Amino acid sequence: MGKTIGDVLPLAIGVAVSPVPIIAIILMLSTPRARTNGPMFLAGWLAGAAIVGTIVLVIADAIGISKGDPSKAAYSFKILLGLLLLVGAFRQWRGRPREGEEAKTPKWMQVIDSFTGLKSLGMGALLSGVNPKNLLLTIAASATIAQSGISVAEQAGVLAIFVAIGTIGVALPLVVYFSIEKRASEILNSWKTWLAANNPAVMSVLFLVFAFVLIGKGIAGLT
């Protein structure tokens, strides 16, 4: 189990470093519904990652991957995920703001002050479970857990650890907000400004690093 935790730890950190969701929760914490919407967004984030991870584990068990003897198909799948991340890295880099341009804000962020608790919950789930980068990393982590051959209970435990670590990024603004509320606005705004300006570069590097990690593991398994 310990080895499996070590294998998925880098992927969990990749999920945790998610600039757009972190910016989203910081914006929520500057609205009148901050004390409701912030925790609801976090709950949705946890649910989204857990649901995707569980679905992959169930599918892996159904097709016989979780038997401790990884197939060539499983390693080929990791290479495919890696190639998709390479494409993502290229697209993020091409879409970066040029010198003198401001980063574009998604339209849904512009109306985030009108979000209800339920909408915040749903947005959290979408950004953790359906966001392309997080989806690919969660699938990769779940496939790694399934391949490990550990028991179902241990698989659930490793997945829970993966989700918990992957939540650190969006949980940290909440911790700051509720622990030092008087100074939180200044701190969180500085984080938001930096993340908005550097999002494409951060995402490109993350995509590139994890692309080579997955491709390398896939090639090593096949050879």
Protein backbone atom coordinates (compact mmCIF):
# COMPACT_ATOMS: atom_id res chain seq x y z
CA MET A 1 0.00 0.00 0.00
CA GLY A 2 2.84 2.37 0.85
CA LYS A 3 4.39 1.94 -2.60
CA THR A 4 1.04 2.70 -4.24
CA ILE A 5 0.68 5.88 -2.18
CA GLY A 6 4.13 6.92 -3.36
CA ASP A 7 3.15 6.24 -6.98
CA VAL A 8 0.02 8.41 -6.88
CA LEU A 9 1.45 11.19 -4.69
CA PRO A 10 2.93 13.21 -7.61
CA LEU A 11 -0.38 12.92 -9.48
CA ALA A 12 -2.26 14.18 -6.41
CA ILE A 13 0.05 17.20 -6.20
CA GLY A 14 -0.68 17.84 -9.87
CA VAL A 15 -4.40 17.96 -9.08
CA ALA A 16 -3.78 20.21 -6.07
CA VAL A 17 -1.96 22.77 -8.24
CA SER A 18 -5.01 23.93 -10.19
CA PRO A 19 -4.90 27.71 -10.75
CA VAL A 20 -8.43 28.20 -12.15
CA PRO A 21 -10.26 26.39 -9.29
CA ILE A 22 -8.09 28.18 -6.73
CA ILE A 23 -8.95 31.53 -8.33
CA ALA A 24 -12.63 30.51 -8.33
CA ILE A 25 -12.76 29.78 -4.62
CA ILE A 26 -10.84 32.99 -3.84
CA LEU A 27 -13.46 34.95 -5.81
CA MET A 28 -16.22 33.15 -3.90
CA LEU A 29 -14.62 34.15 -0.63
CA SER A 30 -14.96 37.82 -1.59
CA THR A 31 -18.75 37.58 -2.03
CA PRO A 32 -21.52 37.99 0.57
CA ARG A 33 -22.17 34.22 0.47
CA ALA A 34 -18.52 33.36 1.20
CA ARG A 35 -19.20 31.34 4.37
CA THR A 36 -21.66 29.11 2.49
CA ASN A 37 -20.32 28.96 -1.04
CA GLY A 38 -16.68 28.39 -0.09
CA PRO A 39 -17.31 25.19 1.90
CA MET A 40 -19.87 24.01 -0.68
CA PHE A 41 -17.32 24.43 -3.47
CA LEU A 42 -14.82 22.41 -1.43
CA ALA A 43 -17.42 19.68 -0.81
CA GLY A 44 -18.16 19.52 -4.53
CA TRP A 45 -14.44 19.30 -5.31
CA LEU A 46 -14.04 16.34 -2.95
CA ALA A 47 -17.10 14.61 -4.37
CA GLY A 48 -16.07 15.10 -8.01
CA ALA A 49 -12.59 13.63 -7.54
CA ALA A 50 -13.87 10.76 -5.40
CA ILE A 51 -16.62 9.84 -7.88
CA VAL A 52 -14.29 9.81 -10.90
CA GLY A 53 -11.67 7.80 -9.01
CA THR A 54 -14.23 5.27 -7.80
CA ILE A 55 -15.72 4.82 -11.27
CA VAL A 56 -12.27 4.08 -12.73
CA LEU A 57 -11.52 1.58 -9.96
CA VAL A 58 -14.85 -0.19 -10.52
CA ILE A 59 -14.24 -0.40 -14.28
CA ALA A 60 -10.69 -1.65 -13.71
CA ASP A 61 -11.99 -4.39 -11.42
CA ALA A 62 -14.69 -5.34 -13.92
CA ILE A 63 -12.21 -5.78 -16.78
CA GLY A 64 -9.66 -7.56 -14.63
CA ILE A 65 -6.91 -4.94 -14.33
CA SER A 66 -6.88 -5.02 -10.52
CA LYS A 67 -5.23 -8.43 -10.27
CA GLY A 68 -1.69 -7.31 -9.56
CA ASP A 69 -0.52 -8.26 -13.05
CA PRO A 70 -0.75 -5.16 -15.27
CA SER A 71 -1.48 -5.89 -18.91
CA LYS A 72 0.13 -4.29 -21.96
CA ALA A 73 -3.19 -2.55 -22.54
CA ALA A 74 -2.92 -0.85 -19.13
CA TYR A 75 0.58 0.42 -19.89
CA SER A 76 -0.51 1.53 -23.34
CA PHE A 77 -3.36 3.42 -21.69
CA LYS A 78 -0.84 5.35 -19.56
CA ILE A 79 1.07 6.30 -22.70
CA LEU A 80 -2.18 7.52 -24.25
CA LEU A 81 -2.92 9.66 -21.19
CA GLY A 82 0.59 11.06 -21.38
CA LEU A 83 0.14 11.97 -25.04
CA LEU A 84 -3.13 13.74 -24.23
CA LEU A 85 -1.32 15.76 -21.58
CA LEU A 86 1.35 16.68 -24.13
CA VAL A 87 -1.40 18.05 -26.37
CA GLY A 88 -2.78 19.95 -23.37
CA ALA A 89 0.66 21.44 -22.64
CA PHE A 90 0.96 22.64 -26.24
CA ARG A 91 -2.51 24.20 -26.22
CA GLN A 92 -1.93 25.94 -22.88
CA TRP A 93 1.34 27.42 -24.09
CA ARG A 94 -0.14 28.61 -27.38
CA GLY A 95 -3.08 30.18 -25.54
CA ARG A 96 -0.94 32.18 -23.10
CA PRO A 97 -1.42 35.97 -23.11
CA ARG A 98 1.12 37.83 -25.21
CA GLU A 99 3.24 40.56 -23.71
CA GLY A 100 1.03 43.45 -22.66
CA GLU A 101 -2.17 41.37 -22.82
CA GLU A 102 -4.30 40.53 -19.80
CA ALA A 103 -5.37 36.98 -19.08
CA LYS A 104 -8.97 36.32 -20.10
CA THR A 105 -11.41 35.58 -17.30
CA PRO A 106 -13.95 32.79 -17.97
CA LYS A 107 -17.49 34.12 -18.28
CA TRP A 108 -18.76 32.03 -15.37
CA MET A 109 -16.22 33.68 -13.07
CA GLN A 110 -17.67 37.07 -13.93
CA VAL A 111 -21.00 36.11 -12.32
CA ILE A 112 -19.59 34.10 -9.42
CA ASP A 113 -21.06 36.55 -6.91
CA SER A 114 -24.53 35.33 -7.95
CA PHE A 115 -23.74 31.67 -7.22
CA THR A 116 -25.94 29.79 -4.77
CA GLY A 117 -24.60 27.08 -2.49
CA LEU A 118 -25.88 24.38 -4.86
CA LYS A 119 -24.25 25.98 -7.89
CA SER A 120 -20.97 26.29 -5.97
CA LEU A 121 -21.20 22.61 -5.09
CA GLY A 122 -21.72 21.68 -8.74
CA MET A 123 -18.92 23.93 -9.97
CA GLY A 124 -16.52 22.37 -7.48
CA ALA A 125 -17.44 18.90 -8.70
CA LEU A 126 -17.02 19.90 -12.35
CA LEU A 127 -13.62 21.52 -11.82
CA SER A 128 -12.23 18.52 -9.94
CA GLY A 129 -13.88 15.68 -11.85
CA VAL A 130 -14.40 16.96 -15.40
CA ASN A 131 -11.64 19.57 -15.83
CA PRO A 132 -9.35 17.94 -18.47
CA LYS A 133 -6.11 18.11 -16.48
CA ASN A 134 -7.62 16.84 -13.25
CA LEU A 135 -9.67 14.21 -15.06
CA LEU A 136 -6.59 12.75 -16.77
CA LEU A 137 -4.52 12.80 -13.58
CA THR A 138 -7.32 11.19 -11.54
CA ILE A 139 -7.79 8.48 -14.16
CA ALA A 140 -4.03 7.87 -14.18
CA ALA A 141 -3.95 7.67 -10.37
CA SER A 142 -6.93 5.31 -10.23
CA ALA A 143 -5.41 3.10 -12.93
CA THR A 144 -2.18 2.97 -10.91
CA ILE A 145 -4.12 2.01 -7.78
CA ALA A 146 -6.00 -0.68 -9.68
CA GLN A 147 -2.77 -2.13 -11.09
CA SER A 148 -1.14 -2.39 -7.68
CA GLY A 149 -2.95 -5.61 -6.71
CA ILE A 150 -3.76 -4.39 -3.19
CA SER A 151 -7.07 -5.22 -1.52
CA VAL A 152 -10.28 -3.30 -2.19
CA ALA A 153 -10.13 -1.69 1.26
CA GLU A 154 -6.55 -0.58 0.65
CA GLN A 155 -7.49 0.76 -2.78
CA ALA A 156 -10.22 2.86 -1.16
CA GLY A 157 -7.71 4.13 1.40
CA VAL A 158 -5.15 5.14 -1.24
CA LEU A 159 -7.87 6.85 -3.30
CA ALA A 160 -8.98 8.78 -0.20
CA ILE A 161 -5.38 9.93 0.38
CA PHE A 162 -5.09 10.94 -3.29
CA VAL A 163 -8.31 12.99 -3.09
CA ALA A 164 -7.27 14.61 0.21
CA ILE A 165 -3.88 15.71 -1.13
CA GLY A 166 -5.45 16.86 -4.39
CA THR A 167 -7.76 19.09 -2.36
CA ILE A 168 -5.02 21.05 -0.59
CA GLY A 169 -4.90 23.75 -3.28
CA VAL A 170 -8.57 24.74 -3.03
CA ALA A 171 -8.75 24.13 0.73
CA LEU A 172 -5.89 26.49 1.58
CA PRO A 173 -7.80 29.72 0.69
CA LEU A 174 -10.62 28.53 2.95
CA VAL A 175 -8.21 27.95 5.81
CA VAL A 176 -6.77 31.45 5.34
CA TYR A 177 -10.25 33.00 5.12
CA PHE A 178 -11.61 31.42 8.30
CA SER A 179 -8.42 31.68 10.36
CA ILE A 180 -7.30 35.25 9.60
CA GLU A 181 -10.39 36.83 8.09
CA LYS A 182 -9.23 40.43 8.67
CA ARG A 183 -6.08 40.00 6.56
CA ALA A 184 -7.41 37.27 4.30
CA SER A 185 -8.61 39.61 1.56
CA GLU A 186 -5.17 41.12 0.97
CA ILE A 187 -3.42 37.73 0.99
CA LEU A 188 -5.95 35.98 -1.23
CA ASN A 189 -6.05 38.83 -3.73
CA SER A 190 -2.28 38.64 -4.15
CA TRP A 191 -2.57 34.89 -4.79
CA LYS A 192 -5.36 35.45 -7.30
CA THR A 193 -3.39 38.08 -9.20
CA TRP A 194 -0.31 35.86 -9.46
CA LEU A 195 -2.28 32.76 -10.48
CA ALA A 196 -4.27 34.64 -13.12
CA ALA A 197 -1.09 36.05 -14.66
CA ASN A 198 0.82 32.77 -14.60
CA ASN A 199 -1.93 30.19 -15.16
CA PRO A 200 -0.91 29.21 -18.74
CA ALA A 201 2.76 28.80 -17.80
CA VAL A 202 1.95 26.79 -14.66
CA MET A 203 -0.47 24.55 -16.53
CA SER A 204 1.94 24.02 -19.43
CA VAL A 205 4.71 22.89 -17.08
CA LEU A 206 2.37 20.60 -15.14
CA PHE A 207 0.99 19.03 -18.30
CA LEU A 208 4.50 18.51 -19.66
CA VAL A 209 5.94 16.98 -16.48
CA PHE A 210 3.11 14.52 -15.96
CA ALA A 211 2.98 13.67 -19.65
CA PHE A 212 6.58 12.45 -19.51
CA VAL A 213 5.97 10.67 -16.18
CA LEU A 214 3.06 8.67 -17.61
CA ILE A 215 4.73 8.00 -20.96
CA GLY A 216 7.88 6.88 -19.17
CA LYS A 217 5.98 4.49 -16.91
CA GLY A 218 4.04 3.14 -19.87
CA ILE A 219 7.17 2.50 -21.92
CA ALA A 220 8.95 0.93 -18.94
CA GLY A 221 6.01 -1.43 -18.43
CA LEU A 222 5.85 -2.45 -22.07
CA THR A 223 9.57 -3.13 -22.30
